[in-house]
Amino acid sequence: MQSQVPVPMTISIMAQEDRTGRGGDHIPFRVKGFRNLRFTSANEHGDASTDSSWYHDRQHTSDDILGVDTDGDLIVDSFFVDFNYLQRNAVINGMSAALLALGPETPTFVVHDEPNGLRVSLNGAPSLAAYRIGVRSTNANLDFDAVYRTTDTSYVIPGLLAGDIYYISVAGIDSAGIMSPFSHESLKGNDADTPAAPTDQLPYGIACAPITVPEVVATMGTLTIVPDPASDIITLVTDQPMGNVVLLDMMGREVVRTRFVASVPITVASLPAGSYSVVLLGTDNSVRAHARFIKN
């Protein structure tokens, strides 16, 4: 994933499904047995409390808007959305979906309780180049205590203590280095101490914390908006090649979409007064230029 896109953020995986008394759209999928992840900002607005005299939560209400106009010029200048953060989340979601689609199926396995320790018997496809085995004890949190990597289909788990109980999960790695999801866990009691072994250092781009790639800044073209109040027509002048022009209202909703060339008139008579954003999209839907205008 690191070699494809910059991911300049740290992701912490939380064990708790949600905050106390709260819920999310991911829960019904989990209930039905679908694997799922929920992205949540640590600095969200509010805690869903509605009985405080000084605090009002705007989430999932008509007040949950893009931002506000603080100086009365009809242009949103104070945003409730961090667009860099939103861009990063979109990239991580997209890359995660791509890796799941391109990666291998999770291998099946059996954990054998033997006199010399717990042995994992793996049933993987021929395309798998290696396996990851995650281990955690029952007195730990939901994070693995250790993850090991092996190319063997029969593997005695290292670092176990006699008399303890462990949760075991496995994943497969294909020849391109893409990992499958980890399997459901198998719970087994262990009968013998097993010698320690090196843990897997996740060399396939899974650990994103050390990445410090700067924000990607797109090269923009120029866009000049020439209004004609007498006829309610605006003329767009740009140095960009042919593509699409999109008008967005203050809420970010698309109100006009049309083709553009170097100079194109757009009738805005039917639009209510307010501030609008004009975005020029190339034939690949990338943003080539943008500007704002106010309709009185």
C-alpha atoms as a PDB file:
ATOM      1  CA  MET A   1       0.000   0.000   0.000  1.00  0.00           C
ATOM      2  CA  GLN A   2       2.870   2.388   0.790  1.00  0.00           C
ATOM      3  CA  SER A   3       4.245   2.039  -2.727  1.00  0.00           C
ATOM      4  CA  GLN A   4       0.934   3.050  -4.303  1.00  0.00           C
ATOM      5  CA  VAL A   5      -0.252   6.108  -2.377  1.00  0.00           C
ATOM      6  CA  PRO A   6       0.895   8.328   0.484  1.00  0.00           C
ATOM      7  CA  VAL A   7      -0.860   7.572   3.758  1.00  0.00           C
ATOM      8  CA  PRO A   8       0.324  10.372   6.079  1.00  0.00           C
ATOM      9  CA  MET A   9      -1.644   9.429   9.183  1.00  0.00           C
ATOM     10  CA  THR A  10      -1.501   7.072  12.128  1.00  0.00           C
ATOM     11  CA  ILE A  11      -4.334   4.578  12.548  1.00  0.00           C
ATOM     12  CA  SER A  12      -5.078   3.099  15.974  1.00  0.00           C
ATOM     13  CA  ILE A  13      -7.252  -0.025  16.064  1.00  0.00           C
ATOM     14  CA  MET A  14      -9.647   0.122  18.999  1.00  0.00           C
ATOM     15  CA  ALA A  15     -11.085  -2.966  20.658  1.00  0.00           C
ATOM     16  CA  GLN A  16     -14.343  -1.342  21.732  1.00  0.00           C
ATOM     17  CA  GLU A  17     -17.051  -1.512  19.064  1.00  0.00           C
ATOM     18  CA  ASP A  18     -18.284   1.992  19.878  1.00  0.00           C
ATOM     19  CA  ARG A  19     -18.579   4.469  22.711  1.00  0.00           C
ATOM     20  CA  THR A  20     -20.915   3.644  25.595  1.00  0.00           C
ATOM     21  CA  GLY A  21     -24.518   3.956  24.491  1.00  0.00           C
ATOM     22  CA  ARG A  22     -23.555   4.634  20.878  1.00  0.00           C
ATOM     23  CA  GLY A  23     -23.775   2.628  17.660  1.00  0.00           C
ATOM     24  CA  GLY A  24     -22.737   2.713  14.022  1.00  0.00           C
ATOM     25  CA  ASP A  25     -23.747   1.468  10.597  1.00  0.00           C
ATOM     26  CA  HIS A  26     -21.133  -1.290  10.834  1.00  0.00           C
ATOM     27  CA  ILE A  27     -22.886  -3.156  13.655  1.00  0.00           C
ATOM     28  CA  PRO A  28     -25.644  -4.841  11.554  1.00  0.00           C
ATOM     29  CA  PHE A  29     -22.952  -6.177   9.212  1.00  0.00           C
ATOM     30  CA  ARG A  30     -21.016  -7.589  12.172  1.00  0.00           C
ATOM     31  CA  VAL A  31     -24.193  -9.184  13.525  1.00  0.00           C
ATOM     32  CA  LYS A  32     -24.710 -10.922  10.158  1.00  0.00           C
ATOM     33  CA  GLY A  33     -21.135 -12.221  10.133  1.00  0.00           C
ATOM     34  CA  PHE A  34     -19.598  -9.765   7.654  1.00  0.00           C
ATOM     35  CA  ARG A  35     -16.129  -8.450   8.386  1.00  0.00           C
ATOM     36  CA  ASN A  36     -16.171  -4.696   8.790  1.00  0.00           C
ATOM     37  CA  LEU A  37     -14.214  -1.691   9.972  1.00  0.00           C
ATOM     38  CA  ARG A  38     -15.483   1.658  11.130  1.00  0.00           C
ATOM     39  CA  PHE A  39     -13.367   4.814  10.776  1.00  0.00           C
ATOM     40  CA  THR A  40     -13.932   7.286  13.623  1.00  0.00           C
ATOM     41  CA  SER A  41     -12.141  10.549  14.315  1.00  0.00           C
ATOM     42  CA  ALA A  42     -10.803  10.921  17.838  1.00  0.00           C
ATOM     43  CA  ASN A  43     -11.879  14.572  17.769  1.00  0.00           C
ATOM     44  CA  GLU A  44     -15.492  14.307  16.724  1.00  0.00           C
ATOM     45  CA  HIS A  45     -18.110  16.930  17.516  1.00  0.00           C
ATOM     46  CA  GLY A  46     -19.822  16.054  20.770  1.00  0.00           C
ATOM     47  CA  ASP A  47     -20.855  12.885  22.545  1.00  0.00           C
ATOM     48  CA  ALA A  48     -24.526  12.671  21.465  1.00  0.00           C
ATOM     49  CA  SER A  49     -25.680  14.281  24.706  1.00  0.00           C
ATOM     50  CA  THR A  50     -28.918  16.214  24.326  1.00  0.00           C
ATOM     51  CA  ASP A  51     -29.635  17.275  27.912  1.00  0.00           C
ATOM     52  CA  SER A  52     -26.812  19.730  28.514  1.00  0.00           C
ATOM     53  CA  SER A  53     -27.585  23.433  28.849  1.00  0.00           C
ATOM     54  CA  TRP A  54     -24.251  24.447  27.319  1.00  0.00           C
ATOM     55  CA  TYR A  55     -23.631  21.742  24.737  1.00  0.00           C
ATOM     56  CA  HIS A  56     -25.535  20.888  21.562  1.00  0.00           C
ATOM     57  CA  ASP A  57     -24.531  17.995  19.323  1.00  0.00           C
ATOM     58  CA  ARG A  58     -24.974  18.690  15.602  1.00  0.00           C
ATOM     59  CA  GLN A  59     -24.291  15.154  14.379  1.00  0.00           C
ATOM     60  CA  HIS A  60     -27.120  13.558  12.385  1.00  0.00           C
ATOM     61  CA  THR A  61     -29.140  16.768  12.511  1.00  0.00           C
ATOM     62  CA  SER A  62     -29.922  19.545  10.043  1.00  0.00           C
ATOM     63  CA  ASP A  63     -27.056  21.485  11.677  1.00  0.00           C
ATOM     64  CA  ASP A  64     -24.485  18.908  10.526  1.00  0.00           C
ATOM     65  CA  ILE A  65     -23.293  21.061   7.613  1.00  0.00           C
ATOM     66  CA  LEU A  66     -20.038  21.690   5.763  1.00  0.00           C
ATOM     67  CA  GLY A  67     -19.258  24.900   7.635  1.00  0.00           C
ATOM     68  CA  VAL A  68     -20.421  28.422   8.342  1.00  0.00           C
ATOM     69  CA  ASP A  69     -20.002  31.928   6.963  1.00  0.00           C
ATOM     70  CA  THR A  70     -18.423  33.941   9.782  1.00  0.00           C
ATOM     71  CA  ASP A  71     -18.058  37.335   8.097  1.00  0.00           C
ATOM     72  CA  GLY A  72     -21.358  37.639   6.232  1.00  0.00           C
ATOM     73  CA  ASP A  73     -19.986  37.576   2.681  1.00  0.00           C
ATOM     74  CA  LEU A  74     -22.051  34.461   1.783  1.00  0.00           C
ATOM     75  CA  ILE A  75     -18.888  32.348   1.482  1.00  0.00           C
ATOM     76  CA  VAL A  76     -18.259  29.461   3.883  1.00  0.00           C
ATOM     77  CA  ASP A  77     -14.960  30.305   5.582  1.00  0.00           C
ATOM     78  CA  SER A  78     -15.039  28.175   8.748  1.00  0.00           C
ATOM     79  CA  PHE A  79     -15.280  24.469   7.946  1.00  0.00           C
ATOM     80  CA  PHE A  80     -16.425  21.601  10.153  1.00  0.00           C
ATOM     81  CA  VAL A  81     -14.591  19.173   7.839  1.00  0.00           C
ATOM     82  CA  ASP A  82     -10.830  18.665   7.615  1.00  0.00           C
ATOM     83  CA  PHE A  83     -10.465  17.964   3.894  1.00  0.00           C
ATOM     84  CA  ASN A  84      -6.942  16.528   4.181  1.00  0.00           C
ATOM     85  CA  TYR A  85      -8.204  14.093   6.820  1.00  0.00           C
ATOM     86  CA  LEU A  86     -11.175  13.205   4.613  1.00  0.00           C
ATOM     87  CA  GLN A  87      -8.857  12.641   1.641  1.00  0.00           C
ATOM     88  CA  ARG A  88      -6.635  10.339   3.685  1.00  0.00           C
ATOM     89  CA  ASN A  89      -9.594   8.290   4.874  1.00  0.00           C
ATOM     90  CA  ALA A  90     -10.849   7.948   1.298  1.00  0.00           C
ATOM     91  CA  VAL A  91      -7.417   6.718   0.183  1.00  0.00           C
ATOM     92  CA  ILE A  92      -7.159   4.200   3.030  1.00  0.00           C
ATOM     93  CA  ASN A  93     -10.690   2.920   2.419  1.00  0.00           C
ATOM     94  CA  GLY A  94     -10.042   2.586  -1.310  1.00  0.00           C
ATOM     95  CA  MET A  95      -6.689   0.853  -0.893  1.00  0.00           C
ATOM     96  CA  SER A  96      -8.078  -1.489   1.762  1.00  0.00           C
ATOM     97  CA  ALA A  97     -10.925  -2.475  -0.554  1.00  0.00           C
ATOM     98  CA  ALA A  98      -8.450  -2.968  -3.420  1.00  0.00           C
ATOM     99  CA  LEU A  99      -6.150  -5.146  -1.307  1.00  0.00           C
ATOM    100  CA  LEU A 100      -9.094  -7.262  -0.144  1.00  0.00           C
ATOM    101  CA  ALA A 101     -10.276  -7.660  -3.743  1.00  0.00           C
ATOM    102  CA  LEU A 102      -6.819  -8.487  -5.117  1.00  0.00           C
ATOM    103  CA  GLY A 103      -5.576 -10.539  -2.183  1.00  0.00           C
ATOM    104  CA  PRO A 104      -5.955 -14.234  -1.420  1.00  0.00           C
ATOM    105  CA  GLU A 105      -8.682 -16.033   0.478  1.00  0.00           C
ATOM    106  CA  THR A 106      -8.118 -16.671   4.170  1.00  0.00           C
ATOM    107  CA  PRO A 107      -6.627 -20.162   4.617  1.00  0.00           C
ATOM    108  CA  THR A 108      -8.393 -22.762   6.724  1.00  0.00           C
ATOM    109  CA  PHE A 109      -6.557 -24.320   9.664  1.00  0.00           C
ATOM    110  CA  VAL A 110      -6.739 -26.680  12.614  1.00  0.00           C
ATOM    111  CA  VAL A 111      -4.973 -26.197  15.957  1.00  0.00           C
ATOM    112  CA  HIS A 112      -3.719 -29.462  17.473  1.00  0.00           C
ATOM    113  CA  ASP A 113      -3.153 -29.713  21.236  1.00  0.00           C
ATOM    114  CA  GLU A 114      -0.047 -31.902  21.415  1.00  0.00           C
ATOM    115  CA  PRO A 115       2.376 -32.818  24.239  1.00  0.00           C
ATOM    116  CA  ASN A 116       5.058 -30.488  22.877  1.00  0.00           C
ATOM    117  CA  GLY A 117       2.742 -27.496  22.397  1.00  0.00           C
ATOM    118  CA  LEU A 118       0.113 -26.173  20.015  1.00  0.00           C
ATOM    119  CA  ARG A 119       0.643 -27.070  16.374  1.00  0.00           C
ATOM    120  CA  VAL A 120      -1.179 -25.315  13.546  1.00  0.00           C
ATOM    121  CA  SER A 121      -2.042 -27.335  10.456  1.00  0.00           C
ATOM    122  CA  LEU A 122      -2.685 -24.982   7.509  1.00  0.00           C
ATOM    123  CA  ASN A 123      -4.711 -25.693   4.365  1.00  0.00           C
ATOM    124  CA  GLY A 124      -3.754 -22.977   1.919  1.00  0.00           C
ATOM    125  CA  ALA A 125      -4.041 -22.568  -1.825  1.00  0.00           C
ATOM    126  CA  PRO A 126      -0.939 -23.170  -3.991  1.00  0.00           C
ATOM    127  CA  SER A 127      -0.789 -19.407  -4.672  1.00  0.00           C
ATOM    128  CA  LEU A 128       0.086 -18.652  -1.040  1.00  0.00           C
ATOM    129  CA  ALA A 129       3.757 -17.893  -0.493  1.00  0.00           C
ATOM    130  CA  ALA A 130       3.631 -17.689   3.306  1.00  0.00           C
ATOM    131  CA  TYR A 131       1.341 -17.610   6.328  1.00  0.00           C
ATOM    132  CA  ARG A 132       0.921 -15.328   9.318  1.00  0.00           C
ATOM    133  CA  ILE A 133      -0.092 -16.798  12.670  1.00  0.00           C
ATOM    134  CA  GLY A 134      -1.457 -14.433  15.290  1.00  0.00           C
ATOM    135  CA  VAL A 135      -1.465 -15.410  18.980  1.00  0.00           C
ATOM    136  CA  ARG A 136      -3.009 -13.744  22.019  1.00  0.00           C
ATOM    137  CA  SER A 137      -3.602 -14.928  25.569  1.00  0.00           C
ATOM    138  CA  THR A 138      -6.955 -14.761  27.307  1.00  0.00           C
ATOM    139  CA  ASN A 139      -5.742 -12.163  29.822  1.00  0.00           C
ATOM    140  CA  ALA A 140      -4.643  -9.701  27.139  1.00  0.00           C
ATOM    141  CA  ASN A 141      -6.565  -7.155  25.110  1.00  0.00           C
ATOM    142  CA  LEU A 142      -7.778  -7.871  21.589  1.00  0.00           C
ATOM    143  CA  ASP A 143      -4.369  -7.147  20.042  1.00  0.00           C
ATOM    144  CA  PHE A 144      -2.123 -10.081  19.181  1.00  0.00           C
ATOM    145  CA  ASP A 145       0.635 -10.787  21.678  1.00  0.00           C
ATOM    146  CA  ALA A 146       2.761 -11.943  18.750  1.00  0.00           C
ATOM    147  CA  VAL A 147       2.512 -12.587  15.021  1.00  0.00           C
ATOM    148  CA  TYR A 148       4.747 -15.205  13.367  1.00  0.00           C
ATOM    149  CA  ARG A 149       5.427 -15.883   9.700  1.00  0.00           C
ATOM    150  CA  THR A 150       6.109 -19.273   8.176  1.00  0.00           C
ATOM    151  CA  THR A 151       6.141 -21.034   4.839  1.00  0.00           C
ATOM    152  CA  ASP A 152       5.361 -24.381   6.473  1.00  0.00           C
ATOM    153  CA  THR A 153       1.852 -25.832   6.517  1.00  0.00           C
ATOM    154  CA  SER A 154       2.599 -27.479   9.879  1.00  0.00           C
ATOM    155  CA  TYR A 155       3.862 -25.067  12.526  1.00  0.00           C
ATOM    156  CA  VAL A 156       4.441 -25.376  16.291  1.00  0.00           C
ATOM    157  CA  ILE A 157       3.652 -21.968  17.812  1.00  0.00           C
ATOM    158  CA  PRO A 158       6.653 -20.462  19.649  1.00  0.00           C
ATOM    159  CA  GLY A 159       6.691 -18.569  22.935  1.00  0.00           C
ATOM    160  CA  LEU A 160       3.809 -20.364  24.672  1.00  0.00           C
ATOM    161  CA  LEU A 161       3.593 -21.244  28.364  1.00  0.00           C
ATOM    162  CA  ALA A 162       2.341 -24.551  29.719  1.00  0.00           C
ATOM    163  CA  GLY A 163      -1.084 -24.349  31.310  1.00  0.00           C
ATOM    164  CA  ASP A 164      -2.150 -21.160  29.537  1.00  0.00           C
ATOM    165  CA  ILE A 165      -5.009 -20.779  27.054  1.00  0.00           C
ATOM    166  CA  TYR A 166      -4.511 -19.001  23.731  1.00  0.00           C
ATOM    167  CA  TYR A 167      -6.514 -17.590  20.846  1.00  0.00           C
ATOM    168  CA  ILE A 168      -5.009 -18.526  17.458  1.00  0.00           C
ATOM    169  CA  SER A 169      -5.760 -16.889  14.094  1.00  0.00           C
ATOM    170  CA  VAL A 170      -4.106 -17.240  10.681  1.00  0.00           C
ATOM    171  CA  ALA A 171      -3.775 -15.289   7.421  1.00  0.00           C
ATOM    172  CA  GLY A 172      -2.246 -16.060   4.045  1.00  0.00           C
ATOM    173  CA  ILE A 173       0.260 -14.020   2.002  1.00  0.00           C
ATOM    174  CA  ASP A 174       0.378 -14.384  -1.775  1.00  0.00           C
ATOM    175  CA  SER A 175       3.391 -14.022  -4.085  1.00  0.00           C
ATOM    176  CA  ALA A 176       2.705 -10.287  -4.501  1.00  0.00           C
ATOM    177  CA  GLY A 177       2.950  -9.757  -0.735  1.00  0.00           C
ATOM    178  CA  ILE A 178      -0.778  -9.089  -0.275  1.00  0.00           C
ATOM    179  CA  MET A 179      -2.237 -10.556   2.887  1.00  0.00           C
ATOM    180  CA  SER A 180      -5.657 -12.088   3.358  1.00  0.00           C
ATOM    181  CA  PRO A 181      -7.862 -11.126   6.311  1.00  0.00           C
ATOM    182  CA  PHE A 182      -7.111 -13.027   9.492  1.00  0.00           C
ATOM    183  CA  SER A 183      -9.374 -15.970  10.211  1.00  0.00           C
ATOM    184  CA  HIS A 184     -11.774 -16.417  13.078  1.00  0.00           C
ATOM    185  CA  GLU A 185      -9.931 -17.410  16.246  1.00  0.00           C
ATOM    186  CA  SER A 186      -9.506 -20.893  17.640  1.00  0.00           C
ATOM    187  CA  LEU A 187      -9.266 -21.206  21.432  1.00  0.00           C
ATOM    188  CA  LYS A 188      -6.938 -23.901  22.767  1.00  0.00           C
ATOM    189  CA  GLY A 189      -5.212 -24.839  26.037  1.00  0.00           C
ATOM    190  CA  ASN A 190      -1.453 -25.378  25.827  1.00  0.00           C
ATOM    191  CA  ASP A 191       0.380 -28.254  27.590  1.00  0.00           C
ATOM    192  CA  ALA A 192       4.073 -27.343  27.201  1.00  0.00           C
ATOM    193  CA  ASP A 193       6.462 -24.394  27.123  1.00  0.00           C
ATOM    194  CA  THR A 194       7.634 -23.730  23.574  1.00  0.00           C
ATOM    195  CA  PRO A 195      10.903 -21.936  22.717  1.00  0.00           C
ATOM    196  CA  ALA A 196      10.811 -18.320  21.619  1.00  0.00           C
ATOM    197  CA  ALA A 197      11.193 -17.351  17.957  1.00  0.00           C
ATOM    198  CA  PRO A 198      11.474 -14.066  16.027  1.00  0.00           C
ATOM    199  CA  THR A 199       8.145 -12.349  15.473  1.00  0.00           C
ATOM    200  CA  ASP A 200       6.987 -11.087  12.096  1.00  0.00           C
ATOM    201  CA  GLN A 201       8.025  -7.471  11.533  1.00  0.00           C
ATOM    202  CA  LEU A 202       5.251  -6.983   8.943  1.00  0.00           C
ATOM    203  CA  PRO A 203       7.537  -6.163   5.989  1.00  0.00           C
ATOM    204  CA  TYR A 204       4.726  -5.855   3.447  1.00  0.00           C
ATOM    205  CA  GLY A 205       3.653  -2.293   4.090  1.00  0.00           C
ATOM    206  CA  ILE A 206       1.157  -3.041   6.833  1.00  0.00           C
ATOM    207  CA  ALA A 207       2.672  -0.777   9.508  1.00  0.00           C
ATOM    208  CA  CYS A 208       1.766   2.787   8.481  1.00  0.00           C
ATOM    209  CA  ALA A 209       2.805   4.696  11.620  1.00  0.00           C
ATOM    210  CA  PRO A 210       6.331   5.691  10.431  1.00  0.00           C
ATOM    211  CA  ILE A 211       5.089   7.221   7.164  1.00  0.00           C
ATOM    212  CA  THR A 212       5.508  10.990   6.965  1.00  0.00           C
ATOM    213  CA  VAL A 213       4.703  11.756   3.333  1.00  0.00           C
ATOM    214  CA  PRO A 214       3.715  15.400   2.699  1.00  0.00           C
ATOM    215  CA  GLU A 215       0.299  16.289   1.384  1.00  0.00           C
ATOM    216  CA  VAL A 216      -0.182  15.823  -2.352  1.00  0.00           C
ATOM    217  CA  VAL A 217      -0.797  19.208  -3.971  1.00  0.00           C
ATOM    218  CA  ALA A 218      -2.395  19.139  -7.404  1.00  0.00           C
ATOM    219  CA  THR A 219      -1.321  21.656 -10.034  1.00  0.00           C
ATOM    220  CA  MET A 220      -4.311  23.858 -10.781  1.00  0.00           C
ATOM    221  CA  GLY A 221      -5.182  25.863 -13.854  1.00  0.00           C
ATOM    222  CA  THR A 222      -6.706  29.335 -13.961  1.00  0.00           C
ATOM    223  CA  LEU A 223     -10.420  30.124 -13.942  1.00  0.00           C
ATOM    224  CA  THR A 224     -11.927  33.573 -14.314  1.00  0.00           C
ATOM    225  CA  ILE A 225     -15.642  34.159 -13.780  1.00  0.00           C
ATOM    226  CA  VAL A 226     -17.116  37.151 -15.629  1.00  0.00           C
ATOM    227  CA  PRO A 227     -20.651  37.947 -14.378  1.00  0.00           C
ATOM    228  CA  ASP A 228     -23.321  39.794 -16.334  1.00  0.00           C
ATOM    229  CA  PRO A 229     -25.955  40.856 -13.764  1.00  0.00           C
ATOM    230  CA  ALA A 230     -28.235  42.272 -16.450  1.00  0.00           C
ATOM    231  CA  SER A 231     -28.740  38.900 -18.102  1.00  0.00           C
ATOM    232  CA  ASP A 232     -28.005  36.514 -15.198  1.00  0.00           C
ATOM    233  CA  ILE A 233     -25.215  34.924 -17.204  1.00  0.00           C
ATOM    234  CA  ILE A 234     -21.689  34.151 -16.041  1.00  0.00           C
ATOM    235  CA  THR A 235     -18.891  33.493 -18.504  1.00  0.00           C
ATOM    236  CA  LEU A 236     -16.061  31.151 -17.554  1.00  0.00           C
ATOM    237  CA  VAL A 237     -12.621  31.791 -19.012  1.00  0.00           C
ATOM    238  CA  THR A 238      -9.977  29.138 -18.388  1.00  0.00           C
ATOM    239  CA  ASP A 239      -6.683  27.821 -19.679  1.00  0.00           C
ATOM    240  CA  GLN A 240      -7.835  24.217 -19.234  1.00  0.00           C
ATOM    241  CA  PRO A 241      -8.817  21.838 -22.069  1.00  0.00           C
ATOM    242  CA  MET A 242     -12.350  20.607 -22.618  1.00  0.00           C
ATOM    243  CA  GLY A 243     -14.080  18.832 -19.758  1.00  0.00           C
ATOM    244  CA  ASN A 244     -17.014  19.423 -17.399  1.00  0.00           C
ATOM    245  CA  VAL A 245     -17.978  22.428 -15.311  1.00  0.00           C
ATOM    246  CA  VAL A 246     -19.893  21.842 -12.071  1.00  0.00           C
ATOM    247  CA  LEU A 247     -21.617  24.472  -9.922  1.00  0.00           C
ATOM    248  CA  LEU A 248     -22.012  23.684  -6.215  1.00  0.00           C
ATOM    249  CA  ASP A 249     -24.127  25.575  -3.693  1.00  0.00           C
ATOM    250  CA  MET A 250     -23.070  26.479  -0.141  1.00  0.00           C
ATOM    251  CA  MET A 251     -24.036  22.994   1.064  1.00  0.00           C
ATOM    252  CA  GLY A 252     -21.814  21.358  -1.539  1.00  0.00           C
ATOM    253  CA  ARG A 253     -24.765  20.158  -3.615  1.00  0.00           C
ATOM    254  CA  GLU A 254     -24.437  20.044  -7.396  1.00  0.00           C
ATOM    255  CA  VAL A 255     -26.851  22.485  -9.044  1.00  0.00           C
ATOM    256  CA  VAL A 256     -25.449  22.759 -12.598  1.00  0.00           C
ATOM    257  CA  ARG A 257     -23.265  20.498 -14.731  1.00  0.00           C
ATOM    258  CA  THR A 258     -22.323  21.128 -18.347  1.00  0.00           C
ATOM    259  CA  ARG A 259     -19.476  20.809 -20.824  1.00  0.00           C
ATOM    260  CA  PHE A 260     -16.936  23.600 -21.092  1.00  0.00           C
ATOM    261  CA  VAL A 261     -14.343  24.825 -23.555  1.00  0.00           C
ATOM    262  CA  ALA A 262     -11.946  27.763 -23.231  1.00  0.00           C
ATOM    263  CA  SER A 263     -14.836  30.206 -22.774  1.00  0.00           C
ATOM    264  CA  VAL A 264     -18.399  29.190 -21.962  1.00  0.00           C
ATOM    265  CA  PRO A 265     -21.495  31.165 -20.841  1.00  0.00           C
ATOM    266  CA  ILE A 266     -23.728  29.661 -18.139  1.00  0.00           C
ATOM    267  CA  THR A 267     -27.201  30.944 -17.333  1.00  0.00           C
ATOM    268  CA  VAL A 268     -27.761  31.210 -13.582  1.00  0.00           C
ATOM    269  CA  ALA A 269     -31.143  32.962 -13.618  1.00  0.00           C
ATOM    270  CA  SER A 270     -32.899  30.038 -11.925  1.00  0.00           C
ATOM    271  CA  LEU A 271     -30.428  29.890  -9.026  1.00  0.00           C
ATOM    272  CA  PRO A 272     -31.298  31.601  -5.737  1.00  0.00           C
ATOM    273  CA  ALA A 273     -29.059  34.305  -4.315  1.00  0.00           C
ATOM    274  CA  GLY A 274     -26.006  33.002  -2.513  1.00  0.00           C
ATOM    275  CA  SER A 275     -22.416  31.872  -2.813  1.00  0.00           C
ATOM    276  CA  TYR A 276     -21.486  29.195  -5.352  1.00  0.00           C
ATOM    277  CA  SER A 277     -18.349  27.210  -6.140  1.00  0.00           C
ATOM    278  CA  VAL A 278     -17.393  26.506  -9.750  1.00  0.00           C
ATOM    279  CA  VAL A 279     -15.251  23.424 -10.351  1.00  0.00           C
ATOM    280  CA  LEU A 280     -13.682  22.446 -13.668  1.00  0.00           C
ATOM    281  CA  LEU A 281     -13.225  18.702 -14.115  1.00  0.00           C
ATOM    282  CA  GLY A 282     -10.976  17.139 -16.712  1.00  0.00           C
ATOM    283  CA  THR A 283     -12.011  14.183 -18.857  1.00  0.00           C
ATOM    284  CA  ASP A 284     -10.571  11.938 -16.104  1.00  0.00           C
ATOM    285  CA  ASN A 285     -12.776  13.719 -13.498  1.00  0.00           C
ATOM    286  CA  SER A 286      -9.756  15.312 -11.805  1.00  0.00           C
ATOM    287  CA  VAL A 287     -10.162  18.873 -10.541  1.00  0.00           C
ATOM    288  CA  ARG A 288      -8.382  21.243 -12.954  1.00  0.00           C
ATOM    289  CA  ALA A 289      -9.481  24.630 -11.582  1.00  0.00           C
ATOM    290  CA  HIS A 290     -12.008  26.145  -9.220  1.00  0.00           C
ATOM    291  CA  ALA A 291     -13.353  29.548  -8.178  1.00  0.00           C
ATOM    292  CA  ARG A 292     -16.334  31.128  -6.404  1.00  0.00           C
ATOM    293  CA  PHE A 293     -18.969  33.670  -7.330  1.00  0.00           C
ATOM    294  CA  ILE A 294     -21.836  35.364  -5.530  1.00  0.00           C
ATOM    295  CA  LYS A 295     -25.255  35.678  -7.099  1.00  0.00           C
ATOM    296  CA  ASN A 296     -27.196  38.632  -5.739  1.00  0.00           C
END
